[in-house]
Amino acid sequence: MSAATVNKSVVAAGVGHGVERSWIDSATQSGDEVAVLWSGFERRGSNGWYAIWESEFFNRNVGRVYDLREPINYRLPAAKVAVRDRMVYLRTGAPLHASYVLTDVKTPVVGAQVATNGDAGMVLYRVDGPVRLRR
């Protein structure tokens, strides 16, 4: 996919428009690590993962990306995770632990909502432990 194609997709989706690009770093402390939970439910393909790519690019605290449904195929390595009884598990079978989780609005996480990017449909939660999804 060319940069021009990505840019056109991004403009059409309204990603990043009107939002401070470092909104995640502004809501967290220096050195806090934010895990990204990519579900692919709200927006799929480039419209969905671009918001994650942009968040990772402009925010130092954004760390590892985990995918629930579909891999992100554009320069963002992601580890596959699974959900059982609302708990998120790594491939090793261990629960995913995080201080903060960034995800889309269709994948609410148990924790305190810290910040949102409504244009991109993304929410930042403070979790401080095992990652669980709300019903």
N, C-alpha and C. Protein backbone atom coordinates (compact mmCIF):
# COMPACT_ATOMS: atom_id res chain seq x y z
N MET A 1 0.84 -1.17 0.00
CA MET A 1 0.00 0.00 0.00
C MET A 1 0.89 1.23 0.00
N SER A 2 0.61 2.16 -0.88
CA SER A 2 1.44 3.36 -0.98
C SER A 2 1.08 4.36 0.10
N ALA A 3 2.00 5.28 0.38
CA ALA A 3 1.76 6.34 1.37
C ALA A 3 0.58 7.20 0.94
N ALA A 4 0.45 7.46 -0.34
CA ALA A 4 -0.67 8.28 -0.83
C ALA A 4 -2.01 7.60 -0.55
N THR A 5 -2.06 6.28 -0.74
CA THR A 5 -3.29 5.53 -0.48
C THR A 5 -3.63 5.58 1.00
N VAL A 6 -2.62 5.40 1.86
CA VAL A 6 -2.84 5.46 3.31
C VAL A 6 -3.33 6.85 3.69
N ASN A 7 -2.69 7.90 3.16
CA ASN A 7 -3.10 9.26 3.49
C ASN A 7 -4.55 9.54 3.08
N LYS A 8 -4.96 9.08 1.91
CA LYS A 8 -6.33 9.28 1.47
C LYS A 8 -7.30 8.54 2.39
N SER A 9 -6.94 7.32 2.80
CA SER A 9 -7.78 6.54 3.70
C SER A 9 -7.92 7.23 5.05
N VAL A 10 -6.83 7.77 5.52
CA VAL A 10 -6.81 8.43 6.82
C VAL A 10 -7.67 9.68 6.81
N VAL A 11 -7.53 10.49 5.77
CA VAL A 11 -8.34 11.71 5.66
C VAL A 11 -9.81 11.35 5.59
N ALA A 12 -10.14 10.33 4.81
CA ALA A 12 -11.54 9.90 4.67
C ALA A 12 -12.11 9.40 5.99
N ALA A 13 -11.27 8.76 6.80
CA ALA A 13 -11.72 8.22 8.09
C ALA A 13 -11.73 9.27 9.18
N GLY A 14 -11.10 10.41 8.94
CA GLY A 14 -11.05 11.46 9.96
C GLY A 14 -10.09 11.15 11.09
N VAL A 15 -9.15 10.27 10.88
CA VAL A 15 -8.22 9.86 11.93
C VAL A 15 -7.28 11.00 12.27
N GLY A 16 -7.17 11.28 13.56
CA GLY A 16 -6.22 12.25 14.05
C GLY A 16 -6.64 13.70 13.91
N HIS A 17 -7.75 13.96 13.26
CA HIS A 17 -8.19 15.34 13.03
C HIS A 17 -8.69 15.96 14.33
N GLY A 18 -8.12 17.10 14.72
CA GLY A 18 -8.60 17.84 15.87
C GLY A 18 -8.18 17.29 17.22
N VAL A 19 -7.31 16.32 17.26
CA VAL A 19 -6.88 15.72 18.52
C VAL A 19 -5.37 15.89 18.66
N GLU A 20 -4.93 16.26 19.85
CA GLU A 20 -3.50 16.34 20.10
C GLU A 20 -2.90 14.96 19.85
N ARG A 21 -1.89 14.89 19.03
CA ARG A 21 -1.33 13.60 18.64
C ARG A 21 -0.69 12.85 19.79
N SER A 22 -0.18 13.58 20.78
CA SER A 22 0.46 12.92 21.93
C SER A 22 -0.51 12.81 23.11
N TRP A 23 -1.79 12.58 22.82
CA TRP A 23 -2.83 12.53 23.85
C TRP A 23 -2.60 11.42 24.86
N ILE A 24 -1.96 10.34 24.47
CA ILE A 24 -1.72 9.22 25.40
C ILE A 24 -0.61 9.60 26.38
N ASP A 25 0.48 10.14 25.87
CA ASP A 25 1.56 10.59 26.77
C ASP A 25 1.07 11.68 27.72
N SER A 26 0.16 12.53 27.26
CA SER A 26 -0.39 13.58 28.12
C SER A 26 -1.23 13.01 29.26
N ALA A 27 -1.83 11.83 29.05
CA ALA A 27 -2.69 11.21 30.06
C ALA A 27 -1.95 10.24 30.97
N THR A 28 -0.70 9.95 30.65
CA THR A 28 0.10 9.00 31.45
C THR A 28 1.38 9.69 31.90
N GLN A 29 2.11 9.02 32.77
CA GLN A 29 3.39 9.54 33.26
C GLN A 29 4.52 9.02 32.38
N SER A 30 5.62 9.75 32.35
CA SER A 30 6.80 9.32 31.60
C SER A 30 7.24 7.95 32.12
N GLY A 31 7.45 7.02 31.21
CA GLY A 31 7.89 5.68 31.59
C GLY A 31 6.77 4.68 31.77
N ASP A 32 5.51 5.14 31.84
CA ASP A 32 4.38 4.20 31.91
C ASP A 32 4.28 3.49 30.56
N GLU A 33 4.01 2.20 30.59
CA GLU A 33 3.86 1.48 29.33
C GLU A 33 2.39 1.20 29.06
N VAL A 34 1.98 1.53 27.85
CA VAL A 34 0.60 1.34 27.42
C VAL A 34 0.56 0.16 26.45
N ALA A 35 -0.18 -0.88 26.82
CA ALA A 35 -0.40 -2.01 25.92
C ALA A 35 -1.55 -1.66 24.99
N VAL A 36 -1.45 -2.07 23.74
CA VAL A 36 -2.50 -1.79 22.75
C VAL A 36 -3.23 -3.09 22.46
N LEU A 37 -4.55 -3.06 22.61
CA LEU A 37 -5.37 -4.22 22.31
C LEU A 37 -6.14 -3.94 21.03
N TRP A 38 -5.68 -4.53 19.94
CA TRP A 38 -6.29 -4.32 18.61
C TRP A 38 -7.32 -5.41 18.38
N SER A 39 -8.57 -5.00 18.30
CA SER A 39 -9.64 -5.98 18.11
C SER A 39 -10.05 -6.14 16.66
N GLY A 40 -9.97 -5.06 15.88
CA GLY A 40 -10.46 -5.13 14.51
C GLY A 40 -11.97 -5.08 14.44
N PHE A 41 -12.66 -4.77 15.55
CA PHE A 41 -14.12 -4.74 15.56
C PHE A 41 -14.68 -3.41 15.08
N GLU A 42 -14.18 -2.30 15.61
CA GLU A 42 -14.71 -0.97 15.28
C GLU A 42 -14.39 -0.60 13.83
N ARG A 43 -13.13 -0.64 13.48
CA ARG A 43 -12.68 -0.35 12.12
C ARG A 43 -11.70 -1.42 11.73
N ARG A 44 -11.86 -1.99 10.56
CA ARG A 44 -10.95 -3.05 10.12
C ARG A 44 -9.99 -2.50 9.08
N GLY A 45 -8.93 -3.25 8.85
CA GLY A 45 -7.96 -2.87 7.84
C GLY A 45 -7.27 -1.56 8.19
N SER A 46 -6.87 -0.81 7.15
CA SER A 46 -6.09 0.40 7.37
C SER A 46 -6.84 1.46 8.16
N ASN A 47 -8.17 1.53 8.05
CA ASN A 47 -8.93 2.51 8.83
C ASN A 47 -8.82 2.24 10.32
N GLY A 48 -8.68 0.99 10.70
CA GLY A 48 -8.57 0.65 12.12
C GLY A 48 -7.16 0.75 12.63
N TRP A 49 -6.23 0.11 11.95
CA TRP A 49 -4.87 0.07 12.49
C TRP A 49 -4.13 1.38 12.34
N TYR A 50 -4.60 2.28 11.47
CA TYR A 50 -3.90 3.56 11.34
C TYR A 50 -3.94 4.33 12.65
N ALA A 51 -5.06 4.29 13.36
CA ALA A 51 -5.17 4.99 14.65
C ALA A 51 -4.15 4.43 15.64
N ILE A 52 -3.92 3.15 15.60
CA ILE A 52 -2.92 2.53 16.48
C ILE A 52 -1.52 2.93 16.03
N TRP A 53 -1.27 2.87 14.75
CA TRP A 53 0.04 3.26 14.23
C TRP A 53 0.35 4.70 14.62
N GLU A 54 -0.61 5.60 14.43
CA GLU A 54 -0.41 7.01 14.76
C GLU A 54 -0.17 7.18 16.27
N SER A 55 -0.92 6.45 17.07
CA SER A 55 -0.74 6.52 18.53
C SER A 55 0.65 6.05 18.92
N GLU A 56 1.11 4.97 18.32
CA GLU A 56 2.44 4.44 18.62
C GLU A 56 3.52 5.40 18.16
N PHE A 57 3.33 6.03 17.02
CA PHE A 57 4.33 6.93 16.45
C PHE A 57 4.51 8.20 17.27
N PHE A 58 3.42 8.79 17.75
CA PHE A 58 3.47 10.07 18.44
C PHE A 58 3.50 9.99 19.96
N ASN A 59 3.45 8.79 20.53
CA ASN A 59 3.42 8.64 21.98
C ASN A 59 4.48 7.64 22.43
N ARG A 60 5.42 8.11 23.20
CA ARG A 60 6.53 7.26 23.65
C ARG A 60 6.08 6.13 24.56
N ASN A 61 4.99 6.33 25.28
CA ASN A 61 4.54 5.33 26.25
C ASN A 61 3.80 4.16 25.63
N VAL A 62 3.43 4.26 24.36
CA VAL A 62 2.73 3.16 23.71
C VAL A 62 3.73 2.05 23.44
N GLY A 63 3.40 0.86 23.94
CA GLY A 63 4.31 -0.28 23.83
C GLY A 63 3.78 -1.37 22.93
N ARG A 64 3.76 -2.55 23.45
CA ARG A 64 3.42 -3.77 22.69
C ARG A 64 1.98 -3.76 22.19
N VAL A 65 1.78 -4.27 20.99
CA VAL A 65 0.45 -4.38 20.38
C VAL A 65 0.02 -5.85 20.43
N TYR A 66 -1.22 -6.08 20.83
CA TYR A 66 -1.80 -7.42 20.90
C TYR A 66 -3.05 -7.45 20.03
N ASP A 67 -3.20 -8.51 19.23
CA ASP A 67 -4.38 -8.57 18.36
C ASP A 67 -5.31 -9.70 18.77
N LEU A 68 -6.61 -9.37 18.78
CA LEU A 68 -7.67 -10.32 19.13
C LEU A 68 -8.25 -11.03 17.93
N ARG A 69 -8.33 -10.33 16.80
CA ARG A 69 -9.10 -10.85 15.68
C ARG A 69 -8.29 -10.97 14.40
N GLU A 70 -7.65 -9.90 14.01
CA GLU A 70 -6.90 -9.90 12.76
C GLU A 70 -5.56 -9.22 12.99
N PRO A 71 -4.53 -9.68 12.31
CA PRO A 71 -3.22 -9.05 12.49
C PRO A 71 -3.16 -7.67 11.83
N ILE A 72 -2.29 -6.84 12.37
CA ILE A 72 -2.00 -5.56 11.75
C ILE A 72 -0.87 -5.82 10.77
N ASN A 73 -1.11 -5.59 9.52
CA ASN A 73 -0.15 -5.99 8.49
C ASN A 73 0.74 -4.86 8.01
N TYR A 74 0.84 -3.79 8.74
CA TYR A 74 1.64 -2.68 8.24
C TYR A 74 2.61 -2.20 9.29
N ARG A 75 3.77 -2.79 9.36
CA ARG A 75 4.89 -2.33 10.18
C ARG A 75 4.61 -2.24 11.68
N LEU A 76 3.64 -2.93 12.16
CA LEU A 76 3.39 -2.98 13.60
C LEU A 76 3.30 -4.44 14.02
N PRO A 77 4.38 -4.98 14.53
CA PRO A 77 4.31 -6.38 14.97
C PRO A 77 3.35 -6.51 16.15
N ALA A 78 2.51 -7.50 16.10
CA ALA A 78 1.54 -7.72 17.17
C ALA A 78 1.56 -9.17 17.60
N ALA A 79 1.34 -9.39 18.88
CA ALA A 79 1.25 -10.74 19.43
C ALA A 79 -0.22 -11.14 19.50
N LYS A 80 -0.53 -12.34 19.08
CA LYS A 80 -1.91 -12.84 19.12
C LYS A 80 -2.30 -13.15 20.56
N VAL A 81 -3.51 -12.73 20.95
CA VAL A 81 -4.05 -13.05 22.26
C VAL A 81 -5.43 -13.66 22.09
N ALA A 82 -5.93 -14.28 23.15
CA ALA A 82 -7.26 -14.90 23.13
C ALA A 82 -8.04 -14.44 24.35
N VAL A 83 -9.35 -14.49 24.24
CA VAL A 83 -10.22 -14.12 25.36
C VAL A 83 -10.99 -15.35 25.79
N ARG A 84 -10.92 -15.65 27.09
CA ARG A 84 -11.71 -16.73 27.69
C ARG A 84 -12.30 -16.18 28.98
N ASP A 85 -13.61 -16.28 29.11
CA ASP A 85 -14.31 -15.77 30.30
C ASP A 85 -13.93 -14.32 30.57
N ARG A 86 -13.87 -13.52 29.52
CA ARG A 86 -13.57 -12.09 29.55
C ARG A 86 -12.12 -11.76 29.88
N MET A 87 -11.28 -12.74 30.21
CA MET A 87 -9.86 -12.51 30.49
C MET A 87 -9.08 -12.61 29.19
N VAL A 88 -8.06 -11.76 29.06
CA VAL A 88 -7.21 -11.77 27.87
C VAL A 88 -5.94 -12.56 28.19
N TYR A 89 -5.65 -13.56 27.34
CA TYR A 89 -4.51 -14.45 27.56
C TYR A 89 -3.50 -14.39 26.43
N LEU A 90 -2.23 -14.49 26.79
CA LEU A 90 -1.14 -14.58 25.83
C LEU A 90 -1.11 -15.99 25.26
N ARG A 91 -0.32 -16.19 24.22
CA ARG A 91 -0.18 -17.54 23.63
C ARG A 91 0.36 -18.56 24.61
N THR A 92 1.12 -18.09 25.58
CA THR A 92 1.69 -18.99 26.59
C THR A 92 0.63 -19.51 27.56
N GLY A 93 -0.55 -18.91 27.54
CA GLY A 93 -1.61 -19.27 28.47
C GLY A 93 -1.66 -18.37 29.70
N ALA A 94 -0.66 -17.51 29.84
CA ALA A 94 -0.63 -16.57 30.96
C ALA A 94 -1.55 -15.38 30.67
N PRO A 95 -2.18 -14.84 31.71
CA PRO A 95 -3.00 -13.64 31.50
C PRO A 95 -2.14 -12.45 31.08
N LEU A 96 -2.69 -11.61 30.24
CA LEU A 96 -2.02 -10.37 29.85
C LEU A 96 -2.15 -9.39 31.00
N HIS A 97 -1.03 -8.86 31.49
CA HIS A 97 -1.01 -7.85 32.54
C HIS A 97 -0.55 -6.53 31.92
N ALA A 98 -1.16 -5.43 32.36
CA ALA A 98 -0.79 -4.12 31.86
C ALA A 98 -1.14 -3.05 32.88
N SER A 99 -0.42 -1.93 32.80
CA SER A 99 -0.76 -0.76 33.60
C SER A 99 -1.86 0.03 32.90
N TYR A 100 -1.70 0.19 31.58
CA TYR A 100 -2.68 0.90 30.76
C TYR A 100 -2.96 0.07 29.52
N VAL A 101 -4.19 0.21 29.01
CA VAL A 101 -4.57 -0.46 27.77
C VAL A 101 -5.25 0.56 26.86
N LEU A 102 -4.78 0.62 25.62
CA LEU A 102 -5.39 1.42 24.58
C LEU A 102 -6.16 0.47 23.67
N THR A 103 -7.44 0.78 23.43
CA THR A 103 -8.25 -0.08 22.58
C THR A 103 -9.33 0.76 21.91
N ASP A 104 -10.13 0.13 21.07
CA ASP A 104 -11.20 0.85 20.40
C ASP A 104 -12.46 0.86 21.27
N VAL A 105 -13.40 1.72 20.92
CA VAL A 105 -14.60 1.88 21.74
C VAL A 105 -15.49 0.65 21.77
N LYS A 106 -15.36 -0.25 20.82
CA LYS A 106 -16.17 -1.47 20.78
C LYS A 106 -15.59 -2.58 21.64
N THR A 107 -14.43 -2.35 22.23
CA THR A 107 -13.77 -3.36 23.05
C THR A 107 -13.48 -2.78 24.44
N PRO A 108 -14.52 -2.52 25.23
CA PRO A 108 -14.30 -1.90 26.54
C PRO A 108 -13.57 -2.84 27.50
N VAL A 109 -12.62 -2.25 28.20
CA VAL A 109 -11.76 -2.98 29.13
C VAL A 109 -12.17 -2.62 30.56
N VAL A 110 -12.06 -3.57 31.48
CA VAL A 110 -12.33 -3.29 32.88
C VAL A 110 -11.18 -2.44 33.41
N GLY A 111 -11.51 -1.27 33.90
CA GLY A 111 -10.51 -0.33 34.39
C GLY A 111 -11.08 1.08 34.36
N ALA A 112 -10.27 2.02 34.77
CA ALA A 112 -10.68 3.42 34.77
C ALA A 112 -10.39 4.05 33.42
N GLN A 113 -11.39 4.64 32.80
CA GLN A 113 -11.18 5.33 31.54
C GLN A 113 -10.39 6.61 31.83
N VAL A 114 -9.23 6.74 31.18
CA VAL A 114 -8.32 7.85 31.44
C VAL A 114 -8.45 8.94 30.38
N ALA A 115 -8.56 8.55 29.11
CA ALA A 115 -8.63 9.51 28.02
C ALA A 115 -9.27 8.84 26.81
N THR A 116 -9.76 9.68 25.88
CA THR A 116 -10.35 9.15 24.66
C THR A 116 -9.92 9.99 23.46
N ASN A 117 -9.94 9.37 22.32
CA ASN A 117 -9.76 10.05 21.04
C ASN A 117 -11.00 9.67 20.23
N GLY A 118 -12.02 10.50 20.35
CA GLY A 118 -13.29 10.21 19.69
C GLY A 118 -13.20 10.14 18.19
N ASP A 119 -12.34 10.97 17.58
CA ASP A 119 -12.20 10.95 16.13
C ASP A 119 -11.71 9.60 15.62
N ALA A 120 -10.82 8.99 16.39
CA ALA A 120 -10.26 7.69 15.99
C ALA A 120 -11.00 6.53 16.63
N GLY A 121 -11.93 6.81 17.55
CA GLY A 121 -12.67 5.74 18.22
C GLY A 121 -11.82 4.94 19.19
N MET A 122 -10.83 5.60 19.82
CA MET A 122 -9.90 4.92 20.73
C MET A 122 -10.11 5.39 22.17
N VAL A 123 -9.88 4.46 23.12
CA VAL A 123 -10.03 4.74 24.55
C VAL A 123 -8.80 4.22 25.27
N LEU A 124 -8.34 5.00 26.25
CA LEU A 124 -7.21 4.61 27.10
C LEU A 124 -7.74 4.30 28.49
N TYR A 125 -7.43 3.08 28.99
CA TYR A 125 -7.86 2.65 30.32
C TYR A 125 -6.66 2.43 31.22
N ARG A 126 -6.80 2.74 32.50
CA ARG A 126 -5.81 2.36 33.51
C ARG A 126 -6.29 1.03 34.08
N VAL A 127 -5.45 0.01 34.01
CA VAL A 127 -5.84 -1.34 34.40
C VAL A 127 -5.08 -1.81 35.64
N ASP A 128 -3.76 -1.65 35.65
CA ASP A 128 -2.90 -2.09 36.76
C ASP A 128 -3.09 -3.54 37.16
N GLY A 129 -3.04 -4.42 36.19
CA GLY A 129 -3.16 -5.85 36.49
C GLY A 129 -3.58 -6.63 35.27
N PRO A 130 -4.24 -7.76 35.51
CA PRO A 130 -4.69 -8.57 34.37
C PRO A 130 -5.76 -7.84 33.55
N VAL A 131 -5.70 -8.00 32.26
CA VAL A 131 -6.62 -7.31 31.35
C VAL A 131 -7.87 -8.17 31.18
N ARG A 132 -9.02 -7.54 31.46
CA ARG A 132 -10.31 -8.19 31.29
C ARG A 132 -11.22 -7.30 30.48
N LEU A 133 -12.09 -7.92 29.68
CA LEU A 133 -13.05 -7.18 28.89
C LEU A 133 -14.37 -7.09 29.65
N ARG A 134 -15.07 -5.97 29.45
CA ARG A 134 -16.41 -5.83 30.02
C ARG A 134 -17.38 -6.60 29.18
N ARG A 135 -18.52 -6.87 29.72
CA ARG A 135 -19.57 -7.58 28.95
C ARG A 135 -20.20 -6.69 27.95
